Amino acid sequence: MNRDDVELIEAINNADPIAFKRLFDTYWKKIYRTALQKLPTEEDASDITQDVFYIIWKNRAGWQVKSNIAAYLMSMLRHKIYDFYAQRDRLPIFVPINEQEEYWDYSFQEGEQQDFAAENQQVRKEIDAMPEKMREIFLLSRFENLSAQQIADKLGITVQTVRNQISTALKRIKNRFGDKATWLLFLFFIKF
């Protein structure tokens, strides 16, 4: 393993959010593209990619990589894809709000916390600006970890309508924030 990987892993083990952002920025596109090739929808690929990074941050104190970071992430992705197909439409997209912890507050330096808070507020405004039904579907899928089928049943609409609304919501956010969209959504959903 190269020296940069070792230093990055150590920094993440020590809950350094800047190091985690560097990991995220370096690898998320590769993980997402691979997930997109293996999964049926962009939404599924985005969800699985988010989950890979969420698990690393959640378990950061004991995160260990034996060979290199890229291989480790691809292995995680492979396992998440296996889980996805084994439990079709039952994989949680995000951890429920009542199980979330405040991961970021204690490790920010003053200016960094304000920057993330401002970005988080921008994401919130974009979600609030969505049409009511789209916003409701998007939040049900993210905050309550409901599958497309569960949302469809709850709202009395088709599964395809649910998937379309979530896909459109994600595209709106991507159009608004560009390459930062995935990172901002990740921050938003662990900190909301």
N, C-alpha and C. Protein backbone atom coordinates (compact mmCIF):
# COMPACT_ATOMS: atom_id res chain seq x y z
N MET A 1 0.86 -1.17 0.00
CA MET A 1 0.00 0.00 0.00
C MET A 1 0.90 1.24 0.00
N ASN A 2 0.51 2.24 -0.78
CA ASN A 2 1.35 3.43 -0.85
C ASN A 2 1.17 4.33 0.38
N ARG A 3 2.10 5.22 0.55
CA ARG A 3 2.15 6.08 1.74
C ARG A 3 0.91 6.98 1.84
N ASP A 4 0.44 7.50 0.71
CA ASP A 4 -0.75 8.36 0.72
C ASP A 4 -1.97 7.62 1.24
N ASP A 5 -2.14 6.36 0.80
CA ASP A 5 -3.26 5.55 1.28
C ASP A 5 -3.17 5.33 2.78
N VAL A 6 -1.98 5.01 3.26
CA VAL A 6 -1.79 4.77 4.70
C VAL A 6 -2.15 6.03 5.49
N GLU A 7 -1.67 7.17 5.05
CA GLU A 7 -1.95 8.43 5.74
C GLU A 7 -3.45 8.76 5.69
N LEU A 8 -4.08 8.51 4.56
CA LEU A 8 -5.51 8.77 4.42
C LEU A 8 -6.31 7.88 5.36
N ILE A 9 -5.98 6.62 5.42
CA ILE A 9 -6.68 5.68 6.30
C ILE A 9 -6.51 6.09 7.76
N GLU A 10 -5.30 6.45 8.15
CA GLU A 10 -5.05 6.89 9.53
C GLU A 10 -5.86 8.14 9.86
N ALA A 11 -5.92 9.08 8.94
CA ALA A 11 -6.68 10.31 9.18
C ALA A 11 -8.17 10.02 9.33
N ILE A 12 -8.69 9.13 8.50
CA ILE A 12 -10.11 8.76 8.61
C ILE A 12 -10.36 8.01 9.91
N ASN A 13 -9.45 7.12 10.30
CA ASN A 13 -9.56 6.43 11.59
C ASN A 13 -9.65 7.43 12.75
N ASN A 14 -9.02 8.58 12.57
CA ASN A 14 -9.03 9.62 13.60
C ASN A 14 -10.15 10.64 13.39
N ALA A 15 -11.14 10.27 12.58
CA ALA A 15 -12.36 11.06 12.36
C ALA A 15 -12.09 12.42 11.72
N ASP A 16 -11.16 12.46 10.79
CA ASP A 16 -10.84 13.71 10.09
C ASP A 16 -11.80 13.85 8.90
N PRO A 17 -12.74 14.81 8.97
CA PRO A 17 -13.72 14.94 7.88
C PRO A 17 -13.09 15.40 6.57
N ILE A 18 -11.99 16.13 6.64
CA ILE A 18 -11.33 16.59 5.42
C ILE A 18 -10.71 15.38 4.69
N ALA A 19 -10.12 14.47 5.45
CA ALA A 19 -9.56 13.25 4.85
C ALA A 19 -10.68 12.42 4.23
N PHE A 20 -11.81 12.33 4.94
CA PHE A 20 -12.93 11.56 4.40
C PHE A 20 -13.44 12.19 3.11
N LYS A 21 -13.51 13.52 3.08
CA LYS A 21 -13.94 14.20 1.85
C LYS A 21 -12.96 13.91 0.72
N ARG A 22 -11.67 13.86 1.02
CA ARG A 22 -10.67 13.54 0.00
C ARG A 22 -10.90 12.13 -0.54
N LEU A 23 -11.17 11.18 0.35
CA LEU A 23 -11.48 9.81 -0.06
C LEU A 23 -12.72 9.81 -0.97
N PHE A 24 -13.75 10.49 -0.52
CA PHE A 24 -15.01 10.56 -1.26
C PHE A 24 -14.79 11.17 -2.64
N ASP A 25 -14.13 12.32 -2.68
CA ASP A 25 -13.89 13.00 -3.96
C ASP A 25 -13.04 12.18 -4.92
N THR A 26 -12.10 11.43 -4.38
CA THR A 26 -11.20 10.63 -5.21
C THR A 26 -11.89 9.41 -5.81
N TYR A 27 -12.76 8.78 -5.05
CA TYR A 27 -13.26 7.46 -5.46
C TYR A 27 -14.74 7.38 -5.81
N TRP A 28 -15.56 8.37 -5.45
CA TRP A 28 -17.00 8.16 -5.64
C TRP A 28 -17.38 7.96 -7.09
N LYS A 29 -16.77 8.70 -8.03
CA LYS A 29 -17.14 8.55 -9.45
C LYS A 29 -16.86 7.13 -9.95
N LYS A 30 -15.71 6.59 -9.58
CA LYS A 30 -15.36 5.24 -10.01
C LYS A 30 -16.34 4.21 -9.42
N ILE A 31 -16.65 4.36 -8.15
CA ILE A 31 -17.59 3.44 -7.50
C ILE A 31 -18.97 3.58 -8.14
N TYR A 32 -19.41 4.81 -8.34
CA TYR A 32 -20.72 5.05 -8.93
C TYR A 32 -20.82 4.47 -10.34
N ARG A 33 -19.80 4.72 -11.16
CA ARG A 33 -19.83 4.20 -12.54
C ARG A 33 -19.90 2.68 -12.56
N THR A 34 -19.13 2.04 -11.70
CA THR A 34 -19.17 0.58 -11.63
C THR A 34 -20.55 0.11 -11.17
N ALA A 35 -21.09 0.77 -10.15
CA ALA A 35 -22.43 0.41 -9.65
C ALA A 35 -23.47 0.59 -10.75
N LEU A 36 -23.33 1.65 -11.52
CA LEU A 36 -24.28 1.94 -12.60
C LEU A 36 -24.28 0.83 -13.66
N GLN A 37 -23.13 0.21 -13.89
CA GLN A 37 -23.04 -0.88 -14.87
C GLN A 37 -23.71 -2.16 -14.35
N LYS A 38 -23.78 -2.30 -13.03
CA LYS A 38 -24.25 -3.55 -12.45
C LYS A 38 -25.68 -3.50 -11.90
N LEU A 39 -26.23 -2.30 -11.77
CA LEU A 39 -27.55 -2.15 -11.15
C LEU A 39 -28.57 -1.61 -12.15
N PRO A 40 -29.85 -1.86 -11.89
CA PRO A 40 -30.86 -1.52 -12.89
C PRO A 40 -31.12 -0.02 -13.09
N THR A 41 -30.93 0.82 -12.08
CA THR A 41 -31.25 2.23 -12.24
C THR A 41 -30.14 3.12 -11.68
N GLU A 42 -30.16 4.38 -12.11
CA GLU A 42 -29.22 5.38 -11.56
C GLU A 42 -29.46 5.55 -10.07
N GLU A 43 -30.73 5.53 -9.68
CA GLU A 43 -31.08 5.66 -8.26
C GLU A 43 -30.44 4.56 -7.43
N ASP A 44 -30.53 3.32 -7.91
CA ASP A 44 -29.93 2.20 -7.18
C ASP A 44 -28.41 2.37 -7.09
N ALA A 45 -27.79 2.77 -8.19
CA ALA A 45 -26.33 2.97 -8.19
C ALA A 45 -25.94 4.07 -7.21
N SER A 46 -26.69 5.14 -7.20
CA SER A 46 -26.42 6.25 -6.28
C SER A 46 -26.57 5.81 -4.83
N ASP A 47 -27.65 5.07 -4.56
CA ASP A 47 -27.90 4.60 -3.19
C ASP A 47 -26.79 3.68 -2.69
N ILE A 48 -26.38 2.74 -3.53
CA ILE A 48 -25.34 1.79 -3.14
C ILE A 48 -24.01 2.52 -2.94
N THR A 49 -23.70 3.46 -3.81
CA THR A 49 -22.46 4.23 -3.68
C THR A 49 -22.46 5.01 -2.37
N GLN A 50 -23.58 5.65 -2.07
CA GLN A 50 -23.70 6.38 -0.80
C GLN A 50 -23.50 5.43 0.38
N ASP A 51 -24.07 4.26 0.29
CA ASP A 51 -23.99 3.30 1.38
C ASP A 51 -22.54 2.85 1.63
N VAL A 52 -21.78 2.65 0.58
CA VAL A 52 -20.37 2.26 0.72
C VAL A 52 -19.63 3.30 1.56
N PHE A 53 -19.81 4.57 1.23
CA PHE A 53 -19.10 5.62 1.96
C PHE A 53 -19.66 5.82 3.37
N TYR A 54 -20.96 5.66 3.50
CA TYR A 54 -21.56 5.78 4.83
C TYR A 54 -20.99 4.73 5.78
N ILE A 55 -20.86 3.51 5.31
CA ILE A 55 -20.33 2.42 6.15
C ILE A 55 -18.90 2.72 6.58
N ILE A 56 -18.11 3.24 5.67
CA ILE A 56 -16.72 3.58 6.03
C ILE A 56 -16.71 4.63 7.13
N TRP A 57 -17.51 5.68 6.95
CA TRP A 57 -17.52 6.73 7.97
C TRP A 57 -18.06 6.21 9.29
N LYS A 58 -19.11 5.45 9.25
CA LYS A 58 -19.70 4.92 10.47
C LYS A 58 -18.71 4.05 11.24
N ASN A 59 -17.90 3.29 10.52
CA ASN A 59 -16.94 2.37 11.15
C ASN A 59 -15.51 2.89 11.07
N ARG A 60 -15.37 4.19 10.96
CA ARG A 60 -14.07 4.79 10.70
C ARG A 60 -12.99 4.46 11.73
N ALA A 61 -13.35 4.31 12.98
CA ALA A 61 -12.34 4.07 14.02
C ALA A 61 -11.61 2.75 13.80
N GLY A 62 -12.27 1.79 13.20
CA GLY A 62 -11.65 0.49 12.98
C GLY A 62 -11.44 0.15 11.52
N TRP A 63 -11.48 1.15 10.66
CA TRP A 63 -11.35 0.89 9.22
C TRP A 63 -9.94 0.44 8.90
N GLN A 64 -9.85 -0.74 8.32
CA GLN A 64 -8.54 -1.31 7.97
C GLN A 64 -8.57 -1.75 6.52
N VAL A 65 -7.50 -1.42 5.81
CA VAL A 65 -7.36 -1.79 4.41
C VAL A 65 -6.07 -2.58 4.28
N LYS A 66 -6.16 -3.77 3.68
CA LYS A 66 -4.97 -4.63 3.59
C LYS A 66 -4.14 -4.40 2.33
N SER A 67 -4.77 -4.11 1.21
CA SER A 67 -4.00 -3.94 -0.03
C SER A 67 -3.97 -2.48 -0.46
N ASN A 68 -5.05 -2.01 -1.08
CA ASN A 68 -5.14 -0.59 -1.43
C ASN A 68 -6.60 -0.15 -1.34
N ILE A 69 -6.78 1.14 -1.25
CA ILE A 69 -8.12 1.68 -1.01
C ILE A 69 -9.07 1.36 -2.17
N ALA A 70 -8.60 1.51 -3.40
CA ALA A 70 -9.48 1.27 -4.55
C ALA A 70 -9.99 -0.17 -4.55
N ALA A 71 -9.11 -1.14 -4.30
CA ALA A 71 -9.52 -2.54 -4.27
C ALA A 71 -10.50 -2.80 -3.12
N TYR A 72 -10.25 -2.17 -1.99
CA TYR A 72 -11.13 -2.33 -0.83
C TYR A 72 -12.53 -1.80 -1.15
N LEU A 73 -12.60 -0.61 -1.74
CA LEU A 73 -13.89 -0.02 -2.08
C LEU A 73 -14.64 -0.86 -3.11
N MET A 74 -13.93 -1.39 -4.10
CA MET A 74 -14.58 -2.23 -5.10
C MET A 74 -15.11 -3.51 -4.47
N SER A 75 -14.38 -4.05 -3.52
CA SER A 75 -14.85 -5.24 -2.81
C SER A 75 -16.11 -4.93 -2.01
N MET A 76 -16.12 -3.79 -1.33
CA MET A 76 -17.33 -3.37 -0.61
C MET A 76 -18.50 -3.22 -1.56
N LEU A 77 -18.24 -2.57 -2.69
CA LEU A 77 -19.30 -2.38 -3.67
C LEU A 77 -19.84 -3.71 -4.15
N ARG A 78 -18.96 -4.64 -4.45
CA ARG A 78 -19.40 -5.96 -4.91
C ARG A 78 -20.34 -6.62 -3.89
N HIS A 79 -19.98 -6.54 -2.61
CA HIS A 79 -20.82 -7.12 -1.57
C HIS A 79 -22.17 -6.41 -1.46
N LYS A 80 -22.16 -5.08 -1.59
CA LYS A 80 -23.41 -4.33 -1.53
C LYS A 80 -24.32 -4.67 -2.72
N ILE A 81 -23.71 -4.89 -3.88
CA ILE A 81 -24.51 -5.28 -5.05
C ILE A 81 -25.09 -6.68 -4.86
N TYR A 82 -24.30 -7.59 -4.31
CA TYR A 82 -24.84 -8.92 -4.01
C TYR A 82 -26.02 -8.80 -3.05
N ASP A 83 -25.87 -8.01 -2.02
CA ASP A 83 -26.96 -7.81 -1.07
C ASP A 83 -28.19 -7.23 -1.75
N PHE A 84 -27.96 -6.28 -2.65
CA PHE A 84 -29.07 -5.64 -3.35
C PHE A 84 -29.90 -6.69 -4.10
N TYR A 85 -29.23 -7.55 -4.84
CA TYR A 85 -29.97 -8.54 -5.61
C TYR A 85 -30.55 -9.64 -4.73
N ALA A 86 -29.90 -9.91 -3.62
CA ALA A 86 -30.43 -10.93 -2.70
C ALA A 86 -31.68 -10.43 -1.99
N GLN A 87 -31.75 -9.14 -1.75
CA GLN A 87 -32.88 -8.56 -0.99
C GLN A 87 -33.59 -7.50 -1.82
N ARG A 88 -33.80 -7.77 -3.05
CA ARG A 88 -34.37 -6.82 -4.01
C ARG A 88 -35.43 -5.92 -3.39
N ASP A 89 -35.26 -4.62 -3.53
CA ASP A 89 -36.15 -3.58 -3.01
C ASP A 89 -36.28 -3.59 -1.48
N ARG A 90 -35.33 -4.22 -0.80
CA ARG A 90 -35.39 -4.24 0.65
C ARG A 90 -34.13 -3.65 1.29
N LEU A 91 -33.19 -3.26 0.49
CA LEU A 91 -31.95 -2.70 1.01
C LEU A 91 -32.20 -1.28 1.53
N PRO A 92 -31.84 -0.99 2.79
CA PRO A 92 -32.03 0.37 3.28
C PRO A 92 -31.18 1.35 2.49
N ILE A 93 -31.74 2.48 2.18
CA ILE A 93 -31.02 3.48 1.40
C ILE A 93 -30.18 4.34 2.33
N PHE A 94 -30.73 4.75 3.43
CA PHE A 94 -29.99 5.50 4.44
C PHE A 94 -30.42 5.00 5.81
N VAL A 95 -29.60 5.21 6.79
CA VAL A 95 -29.93 4.83 8.15
C VAL A 95 -31.09 5.71 8.62
N PRO A 96 -32.08 5.13 9.32
CA PRO A 96 -33.20 5.94 9.80
C PRO A 96 -32.71 7.09 10.68
N ILE A 97 -33.45 8.17 10.64
CA ILE A 97 -33.05 9.37 11.39
C ILE A 97 -32.83 9.07 12.87
N ASN A 98 -33.70 8.26 13.48
CA ASN A 98 -33.56 8.01 14.91
C ASN A 98 -32.33 7.18 15.25
N GLU A 99 -31.65 6.62 14.25
CA GLU A 99 -30.42 5.87 14.50
C GLU A 99 -29.18 6.66 14.09
N GLN A 100 -29.37 7.85 13.55
CA GLN A 100 -28.22 8.63 13.11
C GLN A 100 -27.53 9.26 14.31
N GLU A 101 -26.25 9.44 14.19
CA GLU A 101 -25.47 10.14 15.19
C GLU A 101 -24.99 11.44 14.58
N GLU A 102 -24.59 12.34 15.44
CA GLU A 102 -24.00 13.58 14.96
C GLU A 102 -22.52 13.32 14.74
N TYR A 103 -22.15 12.82 13.57
CA TYR A 103 -20.78 12.41 13.29
C TYR A 103 -19.82 13.57 13.11
N TRP A 104 -20.31 14.69 12.67
CA TRP A 104 -19.40 15.73 12.18
C TRP A 104 -19.07 16.81 13.18
N ASP A 105 -19.96 17.15 14.08
CA ASP A 105 -19.80 18.35 14.89
C ASP A 105 -18.48 18.42 15.64
N TYR A 106 -18.09 17.35 16.30
CA TYR A 106 -16.95 17.41 17.19
C TYR A 106 -15.63 17.55 16.47
N SER A 107 -15.54 17.23 15.20
CA SER A 107 -14.24 17.21 14.54
C SER A 107 -14.02 18.37 13.56
N PHE A 108 -14.98 19.25 13.43
CA PHE A 108 -14.80 20.38 12.54
C PHE A 108 -14.02 21.49 13.23
N GLN A 109 -13.22 22.15 12.46
CA GLN A 109 -12.69 23.41 12.93
C GLN A 109 -13.76 24.45 12.62
N GLU A 110 -13.69 25.58 13.24
CA GLU A 110 -14.78 26.55 13.18
C GLU A 110 -15.26 26.88 11.77
N GLY A 111 -14.40 27.26 10.86
CA GLY A 111 -14.80 27.65 9.51
C GLY A 111 -15.36 26.49 8.71
N GLU A 112 -14.81 25.30 8.91
CA GLU A 112 -15.26 24.12 8.16
C GLU A 112 -16.69 23.77 8.52
N GLN A 113 -17.04 23.84 9.78
CA GLN A 113 -18.40 23.50 10.19
C GLN A 113 -19.40 24.47 9.57
N GLN A 114 -19.05 25.76 9.52
CA GLN A 114 -19.94 26.74 8.93
C GLN A 114 -20.13 26.48 7.44
N ASP A 115 -19.04 26.08 6.73
CA ASP A 115 -19.14 25.78 5.31
C ASP A 115 -20.11 24.63 5.07
N PHE A 116 -19.97 23.55 5.84
CA PHE A 116 -20.85 22.40 5.66
C PHE A 116 -22.28 22.74 6.05
N ALA A 117 -22.46 23.56 7.07
CA ALA A 117 -23.81 23.96 7.48
C ALA A 117 -24.47 24.76 6.35
N ALA A 118 -23.72 25.65 5.72
CA ALA A 118 -24.26 26.44 4.62
C ALA A 118 -24.64 25.56 3.43
N GLU A 119 -23.78 24.60 3.09
CA GLU A 119 -24.08 23.68 1.99
C GLU A 119 -25.29 22.82 2.33
N ASN A 120 -25.38 22.39 3.58
CA ASN A 120 -26.50 21.59 4.02
C ASN A 120 -27.80 22.38 3.85
N GLN A 121 -27.76 23.66 4.17
CA GLN A 121 -28.93 24.52 4.03
C GLN A 121 -29.33 24.67 2.57
N GLN A 122 -28.35 24.73 1.67
CA GLN A 122 -28.65 24.82 0.24
C GLN A 122 -29.36 23.56 -0.25
N VAL A 123 -28.91 22.40 0.22
CA VAL A 123 -29.58 21.15 -0.15
C VAL A 123 -31.01 21.16 0.38
N ARG A 124 -31.18 21.59 1.61
CA ARG A 124 -32.52 21.65 2.21
C ARG A 124 -33.45 22.54 1.38
N LYS A 125 -32.93 23.70 0.94
CA LYS A 125 -33.74 24.60 0.12
C LYS A 125 -34.12 23.95 -1.20
N GLU A 126 -33.19 23.22 -1.80
CA GLU A 126 -33.48 22.55 -3.07
C GLU A 126 -34.55 21.48 -2.88
N ILE A 127 -34.46 20.73 -1.80
CA ILE A 127 -35.48 19.70 -1.52
C ILE A 127 -36.82 20.37 -1.24
N ASP A 128 -36.82 21.46 -0.47
CA ASP A 128 -38.07 22.18 -0.17
C ASP A 128 -38.70 22.76 -1.43
N ALA A 129 -37.89 23.07 -2.45
CA ALA A 129 -38.41 23.65 -3.69
C ALA A 129 -39.02 22.61 -4.63
N MET A 130 -38.84 21.33 -4.32
CA MET A 130 -39.41 20.28 -5.17
C MET A 130 -40.93 20.31 -5.07
N PRO A 131 -41.61 19.86 -6.13
CA PRO A 131 -43.07 19.71 -6.02
C PRO A 131 -43.41 18.81 -4.82
N GLU A 132 -44.54 19.07 -4.22
CA GLU A 132 -44.91 18.41 -2.96
C GLU A 132 -44.81 16.88 -3.03
N LYS A 133 -45.37 16.27 -4.05
CA LYS A 133 -45.37 14.80 -4.14
C LYS A 133 -43.96 14.27 -4.33
N MET A 134 -43.17 14.95 -5.17
CA MET A 134 -41.79 14.52 -5.39
C MET A 134 -40.99 14.59 -4.09
N ARG A 135 -41.15 15.70 -3.36
CA ARG A 135 -40.45 15.87 -2.09
C ARG A 135 -40.85 14.77 -1.10
N GLU A 136 -42.16 14.50 -1.03
CA GLU A 136 -42.65 13.48 -0.11
C GLU A 136 -42.04 12.11 -0.44
N ILE A 137 -42.04 11.75 -1.70
CA ILE A 137 -41.50 10.46 -2.14
C ILE A 137 -40.00 10.40 -1.86
N PHE A 138 -39.29 11.46 -2.20
CA PHE A 138 -37.84 11.51 -2.01
C PHE A 138 -37.48 11.35 -0.53
N LEU A 139 -38.18 12.06 0.34
CA LEU A 139 -37.88 11.97 1.77
C LEU A 139 -38.29 10.63 2.36
N LEU A 140 -39.39 10.06 1.89
CA LEU A 140 -39.76 8.72 2.35
C LEU A 140 -38.69 7.70 1.99
N SER A 141 -38.13 7.84 0.79
CA SER A 141 -37.11 6.87 0.36
C SER A 141 -35.82 7.05 1.13
N ARG A 142 -35.48 8.29 1.48
CA ARG A 142 -34.21 8.56 2.13
C ARG A 142 -34.27 8.49 3.64
N PHE A 143 -35.29 9.11 4.24
CA PHE A 143 -35.34 9.20 5.69
C PHE A 143 -36.02 8.01 6.36
N GLU A 144 -36.99 7.43 5.69
CA GLU A 144 -37.69 6.31 6.30
C GLU A 144 -37.25 4.98 5.72
N ASN A 145 -36.29 5.03 4.80
CA ASN A 145 -35.73 3.82 4.19
C ASN A 145 -36.80 2.93 3.56
N LEU A 146 -37.83 3.54 3.03
CA LEU A 146 -38.88 2.75 2.40
C LEU A 146 -38.46 2.39 0.97
N SER A 147 -38.77 1.18 0.58
CA SER A 147 -38.50 0.76 -0.79
C SER A 147 -39.51 1.42 -1.73
N ALA A 148 -39.24 1.33 -3.02
CA ALA A 148 -40.17 1.89 -4.00
C ALA A 148 -41.55 1.25 -3.85
N GLN A 149 -41.57 -0.06 -3.62
CA GLN A 149 -42.85 -0.76 -3.45
C GLN A 149 -43.58 -0.27 -2.20
N GLN A 150 -42.86 -0.10 -1.10
CA GLN A 150 -43.49 0.37 0.14
C GLN A 150 -44.06 1.78 -0.02
N ILE A 151 -43.33 2.64 -0.70
CA ILE A 151 -43.82 4.01 -0.94
C ILE A 151 -45.05 3.98 -1.83
N ALA A 152 -45.00 3.17 -2.88
CA ALA A 152 -46.15 3.04 -3.78
C ALA A 152 -47.38 2.58 -3.03
N ASP A 153 -47.21 1.58 -2.18
CA ASP A 153 -48.34 1.08 -1.38
C ASP A 153 -48.87 2.15 -0.43
N LYS A 154 -47.97 2.85 0.21
CA LYS A 154 -48.35 3.87 1.19
C LYS A 154 -49.10 5.03 0.53
N LEU A 155 -48.66 5.43 -0.67
CA LEU A 155 -49.25 6.59 -1.33
C LEU A 155 -50.30 6.23 -2.39
N GLY A 156 -50.47 4.95 -2.65
CA GLY A 156 -51.46 4.53 -3.64
C GLY A 156 -51.09 4.91 -5.07
N ILE A 157 -49.80 4.79 -5.39
CA ILE A 157 -49.31 5.09 -6.74
C ILE A 157 -48.49 3.90 -7.23
N THR A 158 -48.07 3.95 -8.48
CA THR A 158 -47.31 2.82 -9.02
C THR A 158 -45.84 2.90 -8.60
N VAL A 159 -45.19 1.75 -8.60
CA VAL A 159 -43.76 1.68 -8.28
C VAL A 159 -42.97 2.50 -9.29
N GLN A 160 -43.36 2.44 -10.55
CA GLN A 160 -42.65 3.20 -11.58
C GLN A 160 -42.76 4.70 -11.34
N THR A 161 -43.90 5.15 -10.88
CA THR A 161 -44.06 6.57 -10.56
C THR A 161 -43.10 6.96 -9.43
N VAL A 162 -42.99 6.11 -8.43
CA VAL A 162 -42.06 6.37 -7.32
C VAL A 162 -40.64 6.47 -7.84
N ARG A 163 -40.24 5.50 -8.64
CA ARG A 163 -38.87 5.51 -9.18
C ARG A 163 -38.61 6.74 -10.06
N ASN A 164 -39.60 7.09 -10.86
CA ASN A 164 -39.45 8.28 -11.71
C ASN A 164 -39.29 9.54 -10.87
N GLN A 165 -40.09 9.67 -9.82
CA GLN A 165 -40.02 10.86 -8.96
C GLN A 165 -38.67 10.95 -8.24
N ILE A 166 -38.17 9.82 -7.75
CA ILE A 166 -36.87 9.82 -7.07
C ILE A 166 -35.76 10.15 -8.07
N SER A 167 -35.83 9.56 -9.23
CA SER A 167 -34.83 9.84 -10.27
C SER A 167 -34.84 11.32 -10.65
N THR A 168 -36.02 11.89 -10.82
CA THR A 168 -36.13 13.30 -11.16
C THR A 168 -35.60 14.18 -10.03
N ALA A 169 -35.89 13.81 -8.79
CA ALA A 169 -35.38 14.58 -7.64
C ALA A 169 -33.85 14.56 -7.62
N LEU A 170 -33.27 13.39 -7.85
CA LEU A 170 -31.81 13.29 -7.86
C LEU A 170 -31.21 14.11 -9.02
N LYS A 171 -31.87 14.09 -10.17
CA LYS A 171 -31.39 14.88 -11.31
C LYS A 171 -31.46 16.38 -11.01
N ARG A 172 -32.52 16.80 -10.34
CA ARG A 172 -32.65 18.22 -9.96
C ARG A 172 -31.47 18.64 -9.07
N ILE A 173 -31.16 17.80 -8.12
CA ILE A 173 -30.06 18.12 -7.20
C ILE A 173 -28.74 18.10 -7.95
N LYS A 174 -28.57 17.13 -8.83
CA LYS A 174 -27.33 17.06 -9.63
C LYS A 174 -27.21 18.29 -10.53
N ASN A 175 -28.31 18.70 -11.15
CA ASN A 175 -28.28 19.90 -12.00
C ASN A 175 -27.94 21.15 -11.20
N ARG A 176 -28.44 21.22 -9.98
CA ARG A 176 -28.21 22.39 -9.12
C ARG A 176 -26.78 22.44 -8.59
N PHE A 177 -26.24 21.28 -8.18
CA PHE A 177 -24.96 21.27 -7.49
C PHE A 177 -23.82 20.64 -8.29
N GLY A 178 -24.12 20.08 -9.46
CA GLY A 178 -23.06 19.51 -10.30
C GLY A 178 -22.34 18.36 -9.62
N ASP A 179 -21.00 18.34 -9.75
CA ASP A 179 -20.21 17.25 -9.20
C ASP A 179 -20.26 17.16 -7.68
N LYS A 180 -20.65 18.25 -7.02
CA LYS A 180 -20.73 18.23 -5.56
C LYS A 180 -22.02 17.58 -5.06
N ALA A 181 -22.94 17.26 -5.95
CA ALA A 181 -24.26 16.79 -5.53
C ALA A 181 -24.19 15.56 -4.64
N THR A 182 -23.41 14.57 -5.03
CA THR A 182 -23.36 13.34 -4.24
C THR A 182 -22.79 13.60 -2.86
N TRP A 183 -21.72 14.38 -2.81
CA TRP A 183 -21.11 14.70 -1.50
C TRP A 183 -22.10 15.48 -0.63
N LEU A 184 -22.78 16.46 -1.19
CA LEU A 184 -23.73 17.25 -0.41
C LEU A 184 -24.90 16.41 0.08
N LEU A 185 -25.40 15.52 -0.77
CA LEU A 185 -26.48 14.64 -0.32
C LEU A 185 -26.01 13.72 0.80
N PHE A 186 -24.79 13.23 0.68
CA PHE A 186 -24.24 12.39 1.74
C PHE A 186 -24.22 13.16 3.06
N LEU A 187 -23.68 14.37 3.03
CA LEU A 187 -23.64 15.20 4.24
C LEU A 187 -25.03 15.48 4.77
N PHE A 188 -25.94 15.80 3.85
CA PHE A 188 -27.29 16.15 4.24
C PHE A 188 -27.97 15.01 4.99
N PHE A 189 -27.83 13.81 4.47
CA PHE A 189 -28.57 12.71 5.06
C PHE A 189 -27.93 12.14 6.32
N ILE A 190 -26.66 12.40 6.57
CA ILE A 190 -26.14 11.96 7.85
C ILE A 190 -26.24 13.06 8.90
N LYS A 191 -26.56 14.28 8.48
CA LYS A 191 -26.55 15.41 9.40
C LYS A 191 -27.90 16.09 9.56
N PHE A 192 -28.86 15.83 8.70
CA PHE A 192 -30.13 16.56 8.63
C PHE A 192 -30.75 16.79 10.00
